[in-house]
Amino acid sequence: MSEHQSKNSRILNIYVRLCSGFAVSKVTEARRFGVDERTIQRDIDDIRSFLLERGSGDTGDSQEIVYDRYEGGFVMRGGKSSLMSNSEILAVSKILLDSRAFTKKEICVILDKMIAGCVPEKNLKVVSALIANEKYHYIAPRHGKELNDLLWDIGMDIREHRRIEFKYKKMSKNHKALVYIVEPVGLLFSEYYFYLNAFICETDENGEFIHKYQYPAIFRLDRISGRVDTKSRFSVIYSSRFEEGEYRKRIQFMFAGELLKVRFKYYGLSADAVLDRLPTARVIESTEEYQLIEAEVYGKGIVMWILSQGKMVEVLKPESLRNEIKEQLLDLLKYYE
């Protein structure tokens, strides 16, 4: 290898180590490459010049090489790194593990790739060790299905406005699979499971596809099988398109249904938990005894949440929901008589 090639290889090696989060010691690097410390200092100065030129543009992505006494060497500082920090990767890993959304094989592969691709090399073992115990004791969802490919396929169906057909097993005693033709419009995750939002289709007297309901149905992805592209497309009017984010604010426990405006009294100590659980909720009146809250929700999933709050919540409107809560409480009381 020529002297020029040797210099380039040495500088690149040092640069990669700096980018990986390692501290570069002149003494160590001089011994490793068989050169004197002044040569390593010139290499570091060359890298500094490169970073200075790179940071002089409009990107604002400025980085610099500084000496860190604690690390005992030169380190790279600054810049808008596209990599996640140690604390960020740890937080996301904990959330993924707690979601229990994937099989054990899937979650281990995802976490290993994420950590290897984002964490500075010198901290790989530390971050891996912090989540090793939770990976070992991870409990996968009982359906045991790997859903990554189906997630992607349906994501592309949504993007390309493809009308699809599949078999679906509802929660029922006979477990019989039904066949649906749907127009997929959104993917959501909630309470351990992935869900598809889609308009169920049927045909009119002219053989044209129409929506069976005015609102999208909700299908749990692990209960879908035999997905087929019907080779037909549906159009989406931009102004009335389905927006997952807005829908997610108003849906509870993935129970579909019409939009309701709910008003209730909350007798708890702090309404923050309510406002976090129901993103559309707002406090319209506060007294020493209760807070009056109003929210928009889809479907009857709200019933489950209200019953989970016990005596802290009293529904005022709509009257139909208030009566349904009464009936369920009376039915529940029969178990304890």
Protein backbone atom coordinates (compact mmCIF):
# COMPACT_ATOMS: atom_id res chain seq x y z
CA MET A 1 0.00 0.00 0.00
CA SER A 2 1.38 3.42 -0.98
CA GLU A 3 1.99 6.15 1.62
CA HIS A 4 -0.98 8.13 0.22
CA GLN A 5 -3.30 5.13 0.40
CA SER A 6 -2.05 4.36 3.90
CA LYS A 7 -2.81 7.91 5.03
CA ASN A 8 -6.33 7.85 3.54
CA SER A 9 -7.08 4.49 5.14
CA ARG A 10 -5.80 5.74 8.51
CA ILE A 11 -7.87 8.94 8.39
CA LEU A 12 -11.02 7.06 7.37
CA ASN A 13 -10.47 4.56 10.18
CA ILE A 14 -10.13 7.33 12.76
CA TYR A 15 -13.16 9.17 11.32
CA VAL A 16 -15.34 6.04 11.54
CA ARG A 17 -14.29 5.49 15.16
CA LEU A 18 -15.18 9.09 16.01
CA CYS A 19 -18.59 8.74 14.29
CA SER A 20 -19.20 5.54 16.26
CA GLY A 21 -18.81 7.45 19.52
CA PHE A 22 -15.33 6.27 20.49
CA ALA A 23 -12.69 8.52 22.00
CA VAL A 24 -9.50 8.61 19.90
CA SER A 25 -6.21 8.64 21.78
CA LYS A 26 -3.14 9.88 19.90
CA VAL A 27 -0.90 7.47 21.78
CA THR A 28 -3.09 4.45 21.05
CA GLU A 29 -3.66 5.33 17.40
CA ALA A 30 0.04 6.05 16.81
CA ARG A 31 0.91 2.61 18.21
CA ARG A 32 -1.85 0.94 16.17
CA PHE A 33 -0.77 2.42 12.84
CA GLY A 34 2.97 2.50 13.51
CA VAL A 35 3.34 6.28 13.18
CA ASP A 36 4.23 9.07 15.58
CA GLU A 37 1.71 11.15 17.55
CA ARG A 38 2.27 14.23 15.38
CA THR A 39 1.01 12.27 12.37
CA ILE A 40 -2.19 11.34 14.23
CA GLN A 41 -2.60 15.01 15.24
CA ARG A 42 -2.37 16.02 11.55
CA ASP A 43 -4.99 13.36 10.70
CA ILE A 44 -7.32 14.80 13.33
CA ASP A 45 -6.72 18.29 11.99
CA ASP A 46 -7.63 17.05 8.48
CA ILE A 47 -10.89 15.62 9.83
CA ARG A 48 -11.56 18.91 11.63
CA SER A 49 -11.09 20.81 8.35
CA PHE A 50 -13.46 18.42 6.57
CA LEU A 51 -16.14 18.87 9.25
CA LEU A 52 -15.69 22.66 9.16
CA GLU A 53 -16.25 22.72 5.38
CA ARG A 54 -19.20 20.37 5.66
CA GLY A 55 -20.77 22.52 8.39
CA SER A 56 -20.35 25.77 6.49
CA GLY A 57 -23.30 24.93 4.20
CA ASP A 58 -26.99 25.59 4.86
CA THR A 59 -27.67 22.28 6.58
CA GLY A 60 -26.75 23.52 10.05
CA ASP A 61 -25.30 20.07 10.66
CA SER A 62 -22.08 21.31 12.29
CA GLN A 63 -19.80 18.88 14.12
CA GLU A 64 -16.42 19.33 15.71
CA ILE A 65 -13.60 17.30 17.21
CA VAL A 66 -12.73 18.26 20.80
CA TYR A 67 -10.46 16.81 23.45
CA ASP A 68 -12.37 15.26 26.38
CA ARG A 69 -10.27 14.80 29.52
CA TYR A 70 -12.82 12.42 31.03
CA GLU A 71 -12.75 10.18 27.94
CA GLY A 72 -8.98 10.53 27.63
CA GLY A 73 -9.02 11.38 23.94
CA PHE A 74 -10.60 13.26 21.05
CA VAL A 75 -14.36 12.90 20.54
CA MET A 76 -16.91 14.15 18.03
CA ARG A 77 -19.48 16.64 19.32
CA GLY A 78 -22.49 18.48 17.89
CA GLY A 79 -24.45 17.99 14.72
CA LYS A 80 -28.03 16.90 14.12
CA SER A 81 -27.43 13.18 14.33
CA SER A 82 -29.91 10.97 12.49
CA LEU A 83 -29.14 8.27 15.05
CA MET A 84 -31.09 7.88 18.26
CA SER A 85 -29.34 8.56 21.55
CA ASN A 86 -28.86 5.86 24.19
CA SER A 87 -31.78 7.16 26.25
CA GLU A 88 -34.04 7.38 23.18
CA ILE A 89 -33.25 3.85 22.03
CA LEU A 90 -33.82 2.54 25.57
CA ALA A 91 -37.19 4.32 25.83
CA VAL A 92 -38.38 3.04 22.43
CA SER A 93 -37.20 -0.49 23.26
CA LYS A 94 -39.20 -0.44 26.51
CA ILE A 95 -42.31 0.75 24.66
CA LEU A 96 -41.95 -1.97 22.01
CA LEU A 97 -41.49 -4.67 24.64
CA ASP A 98 -44.46 -3.43 26.66
CA SER A 99 -46.69 -3.28 23.56
CA ARG A 100 -46.50 -7.08 23.16
CA ALA A 101 -47.43 -6.52 19.52
CA PHE A 102 -45.04 -9.05 17.95
CA THR A 103 -43.95 -12.66 18.27
CA LYS A 104 -40.78 -13.23 20.29
CA LYS A 105 -38.78 -13.86 17.12
CA GLU A 106 -40.02 -10.61 15.54
CA ILE A 107 -39.41 -8.44 18.61
CA CYS A 108 -35.85 -9.77 19.05
CA VAL A 109 -34.98 -9.14 15.39
CA ILE A 110 -36.49 -5.62 15.47
CA LEU A 111 -34.72 -4.64 18.70
CA ASP A 112 -31.35 -6.06 17.59
CA LYS A 113 -31.52 -4.18 14.27
CA MET A 114 -32.64 -0.96 15.93
CA ILE A 115 -29.90 -1.05 18.56
CA ALA A 116 -27.17 -2.01 16.10
CA GLY A 117 -28.22 0.73 13.67
CA CYS A 118 -28.70 3.56 16.13
CA VAL A 119 -26.59 3.15 19.26
CA PRO A 120 -22.94 4.29 19.15
CA GLU A 121 -20.78 1.17 18.86
CA LYS A 122 -19.08 1.66 22.21
CA ASN A 123 -22.47 1.53 24.01
CA LEU A 124 -23.94 -1.49 22.21
CA LYS A 125 -23.26 -3.92 25.03
CA VAL A 126 -24.57 -1.54 27.70
CA VAL A 127 -27.90 -0.87 25.97
CA SER A 128 -28.33 -4.52 24.99
CA ALA A 129 -27.73 -5.58 28.59
CA LEU A 130 -30.35 -3.12 29.89
CA ILE A 131 -33.14 -4.83 27.93
CA ALA A 132 -31.77 -8.39 27.87
CA ASN A 133 -33.87 -9.56 30.83
CA GLU A 134 -37.10 -8.19 29.38
CA LYS A 135 -36.34 -9.79 26.01
CA TYR A 136 -35.81 -13.13 27.72
CA HIS A 137 -39.10 -12.93 29.66
CA TYR A 138 -41.09 -11.38 26.79
CA ILE A 139 -44.57 -12.87 26.38
CA ALA A 140 -45.85 -12.81 22.80
CA PRO A 141 -49.55 -12.37 21.92
CA ARG A 142 -51.45 -15.64 22.04
CA HIS A 143 -52.33 -15.63 18.33
CA GLY A 144 -48.64 -16.28 17.58
CA LYS A 145 -48.81 -14.87 14.05
CA GLU A 146 -46.04 -12.91 12.37
CA LEU A 147 -47.78 -9.88 10.88
CA ASN A 148 -45.01 -7.73 9.40
CA ASP A 149 -45.64 -8.88 5.80
CA LEU A 150 -49.42 -8.49 6.11
CA LEU A 151 -48.97 -5.04 7.64
CA TRP A 152 -46.88 -3.96 4.66
CA ASP A 153 -49.19 -5.52 2.08
CA ILE A 154 -52.26 -3.82 3.53
CA GLY A 155 -50.33 -0.58 3.89
CA MET A 156 -49.69 -0.72 0.15
CA ASP A 157 -53.37 -1.57 -0.45
CA ILE A 158 -54.30 1.63 1.39
CA ARG A 159 -51.76 3.68 -0.54
CA GLU A 160 -52.80 2.30 -3.93
CA HIS A 161 -56.56 2.33 -3.12
CA ARG A 162 -56.86 -1.38 -3.82
CA ARG A 163 -60.15 -3.10 -3.01
CA ILE A 164 -59.28 -6.39 -1.30
CA GLU A 165 -60.98 -9.61 -0.24
CA PHE A 166 -60.14 -11.76 2.79
CA LYS A 167 -61.46 -14.26 5.29
CA TYR A 168 -62.07 -13.04 8.83
CA LYS A 169 -62.74 -14.91 12.06
CA LYS A 170 -64.93 -12.90 14.39
CA MET A 171 -65.02 -13.27 18.17
CA SER A 172 -67.82 -15.84 18.29
CA LYS A 173 -68.41 -19.31 19.66
CA ASN A 174 -68.46 -21.04 16.27
CA HIS A 175 -65.24 -19.33 15.05
CA LYS A 176 -66.58 -19.49 11.50
CA ALA A 177 -64.63 -17.42 9.00
CA LEU A 178 -66.60 -14.89 6.93
CA VAL A 179 -65.53 -13.47 3.58
CA TYR A 180 -65.38 -9.68 3.14
CA ILE A 181 -64.63 -7.35 0.27
CA VAL A 182 -63.39 -4.05 1.70
CA GLU A 183 -61.86 -0.70 0.87
CA PRO A 184 -58.95 -0.35 3.33
CA VAL A 185 -58.37 3.16 4.65
CA GLY A 186 -56.22 2.94 7.80
CA LEU A 187 -54.01 0.88 10.10
CA LEU A 188 -54.04 1.38 13.87
CA PHE A 189 -52.45 -0.22 16.91
CA SER A 190 -54.18 -0.51 20.28
CA GLU A 191 -54.06 -2.75 23.36
CA TYR A 192 -51.58 -5.38 22.01
CA TYR A 193 -53.10 -5.71 18.51
CA PHE A 194 -52.92 -4.19 15.03
CA TYR A 195 -56.21 -3.23 13.40
CA LEU A 196 -57.41 -2.46 9.88
CA ASN A 197 -60.03 0.24 9.28
CA ALA A 198 -61.97 -0.51 6.13
CA PHE A 199 -65.33 0.15 4.53
CA ILE A 200 -67.24 -3.09 3.96
CA CYS A 201 -68.45 -3.32 0.37
CA GLU A 202 -71.56 -4.83 -1.17
CA THR A 203 -72.95 -4.53 -4.69
CA ASP A 204 -76.04 -2.62 -5.80
CA GLU A 205 -78.55 -3.69 -8.47
CA ASN A 206 -76.12 -2.54 -11.17
CA GLY A 207 -73.26 -4.61 -9.78
CA GLU A 208 -71.41 -1.51 -8.53
CA PHE A 209 -69.58 -1.54 -5.20
CA ILE A 210 -71.16 0.55 -2.45
CA HIS A 211 -70.42 0.95 1.27
CA LYS A 212 -72.54 -1.22 3.56
CA TYR A 213 -72.15 1.29 6.41
CA GLN A 214 -71.39 5.00 6.55
CA TYR A 215 -68.44 4.41 8.89
CA PRO A 216 -65.45 2.05 8.53
CA ALA A 217 -65.45 -1.35 10.23
CA ILE A 218 -62.55 -2.51 12.38
CA PHE A 219 -60.74 -5.81 11.73
CA ARG A 220 -58.01 -7.31 13.94
CA LEU A 221 -55.11 -8.15 11.66
CA ASP A 222 -54.25 -11.51 13.23
CA ARG A 223 -57.77 -12.75 12.39
CA ILE A 224 -57.38 -11.92 8.70
CA SER A 225 -56.33 -14.68 6.29
CA GLY A 226 -56.29 -15.28 2.56
CA ARG A 227 -55.92 -11.63 1.56
CA VAL A 228 -56.51 -11.24 -2.21
CA ASP A 229 -56.26 -8.20 -4.46
CA THR A 230 -59.59 -7.97 -6.35
CA LYS A 231 -57.84 -5.99 -9.12
CA SER A 232 -60.35 -3.16 -8.67
CA ARG A 233 -59.63 0.31 -7.33
CA PHE A 234 -61.68 2.81 -5.36
CA SER A 235 -61.47 6.58 -5.50
CA VAL A 236 -60.87 8.85 -2.51
CA ILE A 237 -62.17 12.41 -2.34
CA TYR A 238 -59.37 14.37 -0.69
CA SER A 239 -61.68 16.59 1.37
CA SER A 240 -63.50 13.60 2.89
CA ARG A 241 -60.59 11.14 3.08
CA PHE A 242 -60.16 8.95 6.14
CA GLU A 243 -57.60 10.40 8.57
CA GLU A 244 -56.14 7.82 10.97
CA GLY A 245 -54.93 10.44 13.44
CA GLU A 246 -58.32 12.10 13.81
CA TYR A 247 -60.12 8.76 14.00
CA ARG A 248 -57.66 7.48 16.63
CA LYS A 249 -58.52 10.38 18.91
CA ARG A 250 -62.16 9.30 19.02
CA ILE A 251 -62.01 5.49 19.15
CA GLN A 252 -61.87 3.44 22.36
CA PHE A 253 -60.92 -0.25 22.54
CA MET A 254 -61.37 -0.57 18.76
CA PHE A 255 -65.17 -0.71 18.80
CA ALA A 256 -66.55 0.83 15.61
CA GLY A 257 -69.76 2.85 15.42
CA GLU A 258 -71.25 6.24 14.81
CA LEU A 259 -69.82 9.46 16.21
CA LEU A 260 -71.18 10.40 19.64
CA LYS A 261 -70.81 13.55 21.70
CA VAL A 262 -70.55 12.44 25.32
CA ARG A 263 -70.91 14.61 28.41
CA PHE A 264 -70.11 13.33 31.90
CA LYS A 265 -69.13 14.38 35.41
CA TYR A 266 -65.72 13.27 36.64
CA TYR A 267 -65.35 12.98 40.42
CA GLY A 268 -61.68 11.92 40.50
CA LEU A 269 -58.77 13.92 41.90
CA SER A 270 -57.24 14.84 38.53
CA ALA A 271 -58.79 14.95 35.07
CA ASP A 272 -55.40 14.54 33.36
CA ALA A 273 -55.84 10.77 33.00
CA VAL A 274 -59.23 11.35 31.36
CA LEU A 275 -57.89 13.99 28.98
CA ASP A 276 -55.00 11.67 28.02
CA ARG A 277 -57.32 8.72 27.47
CA LEU A 278 -59.85 10.76 25.46
CA PRO A 279 -57.82 13.18 23.29
CA THR A 280 -60.95 15.06 22.16
CA ALA A 281 -62.09 15.67 25.74
CA ARG A 282 -62.30 19.17 27.20
CA VAL A 283 -63.28 20.42 30.63
CA ILE A 284 -66.26 22.75 30.29
CA GLU A 285 -66.92 23.33 34.00
CA SER A 286 -65.04 22.78 37.26
CA THR A 287 -66.44 22.68 40.79
CA GLU A 288 -65.04 21.52 44.11
CA GLU A 289 -67.01 18.28 43.72
CA TYR A 290 -66.50 17.37 40.04
CA GLN A 291 -65.34 18.43 36.60
CA LEU A 292 -67.80 18.48 33.72
CA ILE A 293 -66.19 16.97 30.61
CA GLU A 294 -67.31 16.68 27.00
CA ALA A 295 -65.75 14.46 24.31
CA GLU A 296 -66.38 13.08 20.83
CA VAL A 297 -66.07 9.29 20.45
CA TYR A 298 -66.83 6.63 17.85
CA GLY A 299 -68.79 3.52 18.75
CA LYS A 300 -69.58 1.92 22.10
CA GLY A 301 -66.01 1.25 23.24
CA ILE A 302 -66.54 4.24 25.53
CA VAL A 303 -68.91 2.05 27.58
CA MET A 304 -66.03 -0.21 28.61
CA TRP A 305 -63.95 2.77 29.69
CA ILE A 306 -66.80 4.37 31.67
CA LEU A 307 -67.50 1.11 33.54
CA SER A 308 -63.79 0.79 34.34
CA GLN A 309 -63.93 4.16 36.15
CA GLY A 310 -66.46 3.00 38.76
CA LYS A 311 -68.07 5.80 40.75
CA MET A 312 -65.67 8.45 39.42
CA VAL A 313 -67.75 8.96 36.25
CA GLU A 314 -71.43 9.78 35.80
CA VAL A 315 -72.73 9.99 32.19
CA LEU A 316 -75.17 12.82 31.52
CA LYS A 317 -75.55 12.77 27.73
CA PRO A 318 -76.59 11.27 25.41
CA GLU A 319 -79.55 9.74 27.22
CA SER A 320 -79.21 6.50 25.24
CA LEU A 321 -75.67 6.00 26.55
CA ARG A 322 -76.72 6.84 30.12
CA ASN A 323 -79.47 4.19 29.90
CA GLU A 324 -77.07 1.61 28.47
CA ILE A 325 -74.68 2.16 31.39
CA LYS A 326 -77.60 1.68 33.81
CA GLU A 327 -78.61 -1.59 32.14
CA GLN A 328 -75.08 -2.96 32.20
CA LEU A 329 -74.65 -2.06 35.87
CA LEU A 330 -77.91 -3.81 36.73
CA ASP A 331 -76.81 -6.89 34.81
CA LEU A 332 -73.46 -6.79 36.55
CA LEU A 333 -75.14 -6.55 39.97
CA LYS A 334 -76.94 -9.86 39.32
CA TYR A 335 -73.59 -11.69 39.48
CA TYR A 336 -73.19 -10.58 43.12
CA GLU A 337 -76.71 -11.15 44.41
